[in-house]
Amino acid sequence: MNVANLQLEGLLMALAAINNTLIRKGLVSADDIDLALRQVEASLTGDERMHEELSPANRDAVCFPIRLLLAANNTQGEAEFPSFSELARMVGQTKEPYNDQM
């Protein structure tokens, strides 16, 4: 595996843990995190450059970190924090086609 991929995996899991801690301490709500992540994903996927210059696979690559953090956010309250591979599987299972793929 590419070292950069491993670094990104670690960074994403660190961000997920920070989000989890902020929620547990009552500094933000899970809804606040969800809204922020959904807004940034909508901004990215609504960008014309994304549709003109990037293939659907590349668009998925851009959105993957956001979707992984959304999946982690949706596991709030579970006994164990999911692993990266579990979160990645959740992303794959919930992925919907883009409008230009229908």
N, C-alpha and C. Protein backbone atom coordinates (compact mmCIF):
# COMPACT_ATOMS: atom_id res chain seq x y z
N MET A 1 0.85 -1.18 0.00
CA MET A 1 0.00 0.00 0.00
C MET A 1 0.89 1.24 0.00
N ASN A 2 0.44 2.26 -0.68
CA ASN A 2 1.15 3.52 -0.75
C ASN A 2 1.22 4.14 0.65
N VAL A 3 2.40 4.68 1.01
CA VAL A 3 2.59 5.28 2.33
C VAL A 3 1.64 6.47 2.52
N ALA A 4 1.40 7.23 1.48
CA ALA A 4 0.48 8.37 1.59
C ALA A 4 -0.92 7.89 1.98
N ASN A 5 -1.36 6.76 1.46
CA ASN A 5 -2.66 6.21 1.83
C ASN A 5 -2.71 5.87 3.31
N LEU A 6 -1.62 5.31 3.81
CA LEU A 6 -1.57 4.97 5.24
C LEU A 6 -1.59 6.23 6.10
N GLN A 7 -0.92 7.27 5.64
CA GLN A 7 -0.93 8.53 6.38
C GLN A 7 -2.33 9.13 6.40
N LEU A 8 -3.02 9.07 5.26
CA LEU A 8 -4.39 9.57 5.21
C LEU A 8 -5.32 8.75 6.09
N GLU A 9 -5.11 7.45 6.12
CA GLU A 9 -5.92 6.59 6.99
C GLU A 9 -5.75 7.02 8.44
N GLY A 10 -4.52 7.24 8.85
CA GLY A 10 -4.27 7.69 10.22
C GLY A 10 -4.87 9.05 10.50
N LEU A 11 -4.74 9.97 9.56
CA LEU A 11 -5.30 11.31 9.72
C LEU A 11 -6.82 11.27 9.84
N LEU A 12 -7.46 10.48 9.00
CA LEU A 12 -8.92 10.37 9.06
C LEU A 12 -9.39 9.79 10.39
N MET A 13 -8.70 8.77 10.87
CA MET A 13 -9.09 8.17 12.14
C MET A 13 -8.84 9.15 13.29
N ALA A 14 -7.78 9.96 13.19
CA ALA A 14 -7.53 10.98 14.21
C ALA A 14 -8.65 12.02 14.22
N LEU A 15 -9.08 12.46 13.04
CA LEU A 15 -10.17 13.43 12.95
C LEU A 15 -11.47 12.83 13.49
N ALA A 16 -11.72 11.58 13.17
CA ALA A 16 -12.92 10.92 13.69
C ALA A 16 -12.89 10.86 15.21
N ALA A 17 -11.73 10.56 15.78
CA ALA A 17 -11.60 10.50 17.24
C ALA A 17 -11.78 11.88 17.86
N ILE A 18 -11.24 12.91 17.22
CA ILE A 18 -11.41 14.28 17.72
C ILE A 18 -12.88 14.67 17.68
N ASN A 19 -13.56 14.39 16.57
CA ASN A 19 -14.99 14.68 16.48
C ASN A 19 -15.76 13.97 17.59
N ASN A 20 -15.43 12.70 17.82
CA ASN A 20 -16.08 11.92 18.85
C ASN A 20 -15.87 12.56 20.22
N THR A 21 -14.66 13.00 20.50
CA THR A 21 -14.35 13.64 21.78
C THR A 21 -15.11 14.95 21.95
N LEU A 22 -15.16 15.76 20.89
CA LEU A 22 -15.90 17.03 20.96
C LEU A 22 -17.37 16.80 21.27
N ILE A 23 -17.94 15.76 20.66
CA ILE A 23 -19.35 15.43 20.91
C ILE A 23 -19.54 14.94 22.34
N ARG A 24 -18.68 14.01 22.78
CA ARG A 24 -18.79 13.47 24.14
C ARG A 24 -18.68 14.57 25.19
N LYS A 25 -17.83 15.57 24.96
CA LYS A 25 -17.64 16.66 25.92
C LYS A 25 -18.74 17.72 25.80
N GLY A 26 -19.63 17.56 24.85
CA GLY A 26 -20.74 18.49 24.70
C GLY A 26 -20.36 19.80 24.02
N LEU A 27 -19.22 19.85 23.37
CA LEU A 27 -18.79 21.08 22.71
C LEU A 27 -19.49 21.29 21.37
N VAL A 28 -19.83 20.21 20.72
CA VAL A 28 -20.64 20.24 19.49
C VAL A 28 -21.57 19.03 19.54
N SER A 29 -22.59 19.05 18.70
CA SER A 29 -23.48 17.89 18.64
C SER A 29 -23.13 17.06 17.42
N ALA A 30 -23.60 15.83 17.42
CA ALA A 30 -23.41 14.97 16.25
C ALA A 30 -24.10 15.59 15.05
N ASP A 31 -25.22 16.27 15.29
CA ASP A 31 -25.92 16.96 14.20
C ASP A 31 -25.08 18.09 13.62
N ASP A 32 -24.35 18.82 14.48
CA ASP A 32 -23.47 19.90 14.01
C ASP A 32 -22.39 19.35 13.08
N ILE A 33 -21.77 18.24 13.50
CA ILE A 33 -20.72 17.61 12.70
C ILE A 33 -21.32 17.12 11.38
N ASP A 34 -22.47 16.46 11.46
CA ASP A 34 -23.14 15.94 10.27
C ASP A 34 -23.43 17.06 9.28
N LEU A 35 -23.98 18.16 9.76
CA LEU A 35 -24.32 19.28 8.90
C LEU A 35 -23.07 19.87 8.24
N ALA A 36 -22.02 20.06 9.01
CA ALA A 36 -20.78 20.63 8.46
C ALA A 36 -20.21 19.73 7.36
N LEU A 37 -20.18 18.43 7.61
CA LEU A 37 -19.63 17.50 6.62
C LEU A 37 -20.52 17.43 5.38
N ARG A 38 -21.82 17.42 5.56
CA ARG A 38 -22.73 17.37 4.40
C ARG A 38 -22.64 18.65 3.57
N GLN A 39 -22.44 19.79 4.24
CA GLN A 39 -22.31 21.06 3.51
C GLN A 39 -21.03 21.07 2.66
N VAL A 40 -19.94 20.59 3.22
CA VAL A 40 -18.70 20.59 2.44
C VAL A 40 -18.78 19.58 1.30
N GLU A 41 -19.43 18.44 1.51
CA GLU A 41 -19.59 17.48 0.43
C GLU A 41 -20.46 18.07 -0.69
N ALA A 42 -21.54 18.74 -0.32
CA ALA A 42 -22.41 19.36 -1.32
C ALA A 42 -21.66 20.44 -2.09
N SER A 43 -20.83 21.18 -1.40
CA SER A 43 -20.04 22.21 -2.06
C SER A 43 -19.08 21.59 -3.08
N LEU A 44 -18.44 20.52 -2.68
CA LEU A 44 -17.49 19.84 -3.59
C LEU A 44 -18.20 19.21 -4.78
N THR A 45 -19.27 18.50 -4.52
CA THR A 45 -19.94 17.79 -5.61
C THR A 45 -20.73 18.74 -6.50
N GLY A 46 -21.04 19.94 -6.01
CA GLY A 46 -21.74 20.92 -6.82
C GLY A 46 -20.81 21.75 -7.68
N ASP A 47 -19.52 21.62 -7.45
CA ASP A 47 -18.52 22.38 -8.21
C ASP A 47 -18.47 21.87 -9.65
N GLU A 48 -18.61 22.76 -10.61
CA GLU A 48 -18.60 22.35 -12.02
C GLU A 48 -17.32 21.62 -12.41
N ARG A 49 -16.20 22.02 -11.84
CA ARG A 49 -14.93 21.37 -12.14
C ARG A 49 -14.99 19.88 -11.83
N MET A 50 -15.68 19.54 -10.76
CA MET A 50 -15.79 18.13 -10.39
C MET A 50 -16.45 17.32 -11.50
N HIS A 51 -17.47 17.89 -12.14
CA HIS A 51 -18.20 17.17 -13.17
C HIS A 51 -17.49 17.20 -14.51
N GLU A 52 -16.79 18.29 -14.77
CA GLU A 52 -16.14 18.45 -16.07
C GLU A 52 -14.79 17.77 -16.15
N GLU A 53 -14.04 17.79 -15.06
CA GLU A 53 -12.65 17.33 -15.10
C GLU A 53 -12.40 15.99 -14.42
N LEU A 54 -13.32 15.55 -13.59
CA LEU A 54 -13.06 14.34 -12.81
C LEU A 54 -14.03 13.22 -13.18
N SER A 55 -13.50 12.03 -13.24
CA SER A 55 -14.34 10.86 -13.47
C SER A 55 -15.14 10.57 -12.19
N PRO A 56 -16.20 9.78 -12.29
CA PRO A 56 -16.94 9.41 -11.07
C PRO A 56 -16.03 8.77 -10.01
N ALA A 57 -15.08 7.96 -10.43
CA ALA A 57 -14.16 7.34 -9.45
C ALA A 57 -13.31 8.39 -8.75
N ASN A 58 -12.87 9.41 -9.48
CA ASN A 58 -12.08 10.48 -8.86
C ASN A 58 -12.95 11.34 -7.95
N ARG A 59 -14.20 11.56 -8.32
CA ARG A 59 -15.12 12.29 -7.44
C ARG A 59 -15.31 11.52 -6.14
N ASP A 60 -15.45 10.19 -6.25
CA ASP A 60 -15.56 9.37 -5.04
C ASP A 60 -14.32 9.50 -4.17
N ALA A 61 -13.16 9.56 -4.81
CA ALA A 61 -11.91 9.70 -4.06
C ALA A 61 -11.87 11.02 -3.29
N VAL A 62 -12.34 12.08 -3.91
CA VAL A 62 -12.37 13.39 -3.25
C VAL A 62 -13.34 13.37 -2.08
N CYS A 63 -14.47 12.71 -2.25
CA CYS A 63 -15.52 12.71 -1.22
C CYS A 63 -15.32 11.63 -0.15
N PHE A 64 -14.45 10.66 -0.40
CA PHE A 64 -14.28 9.55 0.54
C PHE A 64 -13.97 10.01 1.97
N PRO A 65 -13.02 10.93 2.18
CA PRO A 65 -12.73 11.33 3.57
C PRO A 65 -13.95 11.91 4.28
N ILE A 66 -14.72 12.70 3.56
CA ILE A 66 -15.92 13.31 4.16
C ILE A 66 -16.92 12.21 4.52
N ARG A 67 -17.11 11.29 3.59
CA ARG A 67 -18.08 10.21 3.82
C ARG A 67 -17.63 9.28 4.95
N LEU A 68 -16.33 9.06 5.07
CA LEU A 68 -15.83 8.24 6.17
C LEU A 68 -16.10 8.93 7.51
N LEU A 69 -15.86 10.24 7.57
CA LEU A 69 -16.12 10.97 8.81
C LEU A 69 -17.62 11.01 9.12
N LEU A 70 -18.46 11.09 8.09
CA LEU A 70 -19.91 10.99 8.31
C LEU A 70 -20.28 9.63 8.89
N ALA A 71 -19.69 8.58 8.35
CA ALA A 71 -19.97 7.23 8.86
C ALA A 71 -19.52 7.11 10.31
N ALA A 72 -18.35 7.65 10.62
CA ALA A 72 -17.87 7.61 12.01
C ALA A 72 -18.79 8.40 12.92
N ASN A 73 -19.27 9.53 12.44
CA ASN A 73 -20.18 10.36 13.22
C ASN A 73 -21.49 9.62 13.51
N ASN A 74 -21.93 8.82 12.55
CA ASN A 74 -23.18 8.07 12.72
C ASN A 74 -23.05 6.89 13.69
N THR A 75 -21.85 6.58 14.12
CA THR A 75 -21.66 5.48 15.07
C THR A 75 -21.58 5.98 16.52
N GLN A 76 -21.89 7.25 16.74
CA GLN A 76 -21.85 7.80 18.10
C GLN A 76 -22.72 6.96 19.02
N GLY A 77 -22.22 6.69 20.19
CA GLY A 77 -22.97 5.93 21.17
C GLY A 77 -22.76 4.43 21.12
N GLU A 78 -22.10 3.94 20.08
CA GLU A 78 -21.81 2.51 20.03
C GLU A 78 -20.69 2.20 21.02
N ALA A 79 -20.68 0.99 21.50
CA ALA A 79 -19.72 0.60 22.53
C ALA A 79 -18.27 0.71 22.05
N GLU A 80 -18.01 0.27 20.84
CA GLU A 80 -16.66 0.29 20.30
C GLU A 80 -16.60 1.19 19.09
N PHE A 81 -15.50 1.94 18.97
CA PHE A 81 -15.31 2.78 17.80
C PHE A 81 -14.91 1.87 16.64
N PRO A 82 -15.56 1.99 15.48
CA PRO A 82 -15.25 1.10 14.36
C PRO A 82 -13.84 1.32 13.81
N SER A 83 -13.31 0.29 13.20
CA SER A 83 -12.00 0.39 12.57
C SER A 83 -12.11 1.12 11.24
N PHE A 84 -10.98 1.47 10.67
CA PHE A 84 -10.97 2.13 9.37
C PHE A 84 -11.65 1.26 8.32
N SER A 85 -11.33 -0.03 8.31
CA SER A 85 -11.92 -0.91 7.30
C SER A 85 -13.43 -1.01 7.46
N GLU A 86 -13.92 -1.02 8.69
CA GLU A 86 -15.38 -1.05 8.91
C GLU A 86 -16.03 0.23 8.40
N LEU A 87 -15.40 1.37 8.69
CA LEU A 87 -15.94 2.64 8.21
C LEU A 87 -15.90 2.72 6.69
N ALA A 88 -14.81 2.26 6.09
CA ALA A 88 -14.69 2.27 4.63
C ALA A 88 -15.78 1.40 4.00
N ARG A 89 -16.07 0.27 4.62
CA ARG A 89 -17.13 -0.61 4.12
C ARG A 89 -18.48 0.11 4.20
N MET A 90 -18.72 0.83 5.28
CA MET A 90 -19.96 1.59 5.42
C MET A 90 -20.09 2.63 4.30
N VAL A 91 -18.98 3.29 3.98
CA VAL A 91 -18.99 4.28 2.90
C VAL A 91 -19.39 3.61 1.59
N GLY A 92 -18.79 2.48 1.30
CA GLY A 92 -19.10 1.77 0.07
C GLY A 92 -20.54 1.30 0.00
N GLN A 93 -21.10 0.91 1.13
CA GLN A 93 -22.47 0.39 1.15
C GLN A 93 -23.50 1.50 1.02
N THR A 94 -23.14 2.72 1.36
CA THR A 94 -24.11 3.82 1.32
C THR A 94 -23.91 4.76 0.14
N LYS A 95 -22.91 4.49 -0.70
CA LYS A 95 -22.61 5.36 -1.83
C LYS A 95 -23.75 5.34 -2.83
N GLU A 96 -24.14 6.52 -3.27
CA GLU A 96 -25.18 6.65 -4.28
C GLU A 96 -24.57 7.23 -5.54
N PRO A 97 -25.15 6.93 -6.71
CA PRO A 97 -24.60 7.47 -7.96
C PRO A 97 -24.79 8.98 -8.04
N TYR A 98 -23.91 9.63 -8.78
CA TYR A 98 -24.05 11.05 -9.04
C TYR A 98 -25.16 11.26 -10.06
N ASN A 99 -25.69 12.49 -10.11
CA ASN A 99 -26.79 12.80 -11.04
C ASN A 99 -26.44 12.47 -12.49
N ASP A 100 -25.19 12.68 -12.90
CA ASP A 100 -24.82 12.42 -14.29
C ASP A 100 -24.56 10.94 -14.56
N GLN A 101 -24.73 10.08 -13.55
CA GLN A 101 -24.57 8.64 -13.72
C GLN A 101 -25.91 7.93 -13.82
N MET A 102 -26.98 8.65 -13.67
CA MET A 102 -28.32 8.02 -13.69
C MET A 102 -28.86 7.94 -15.09
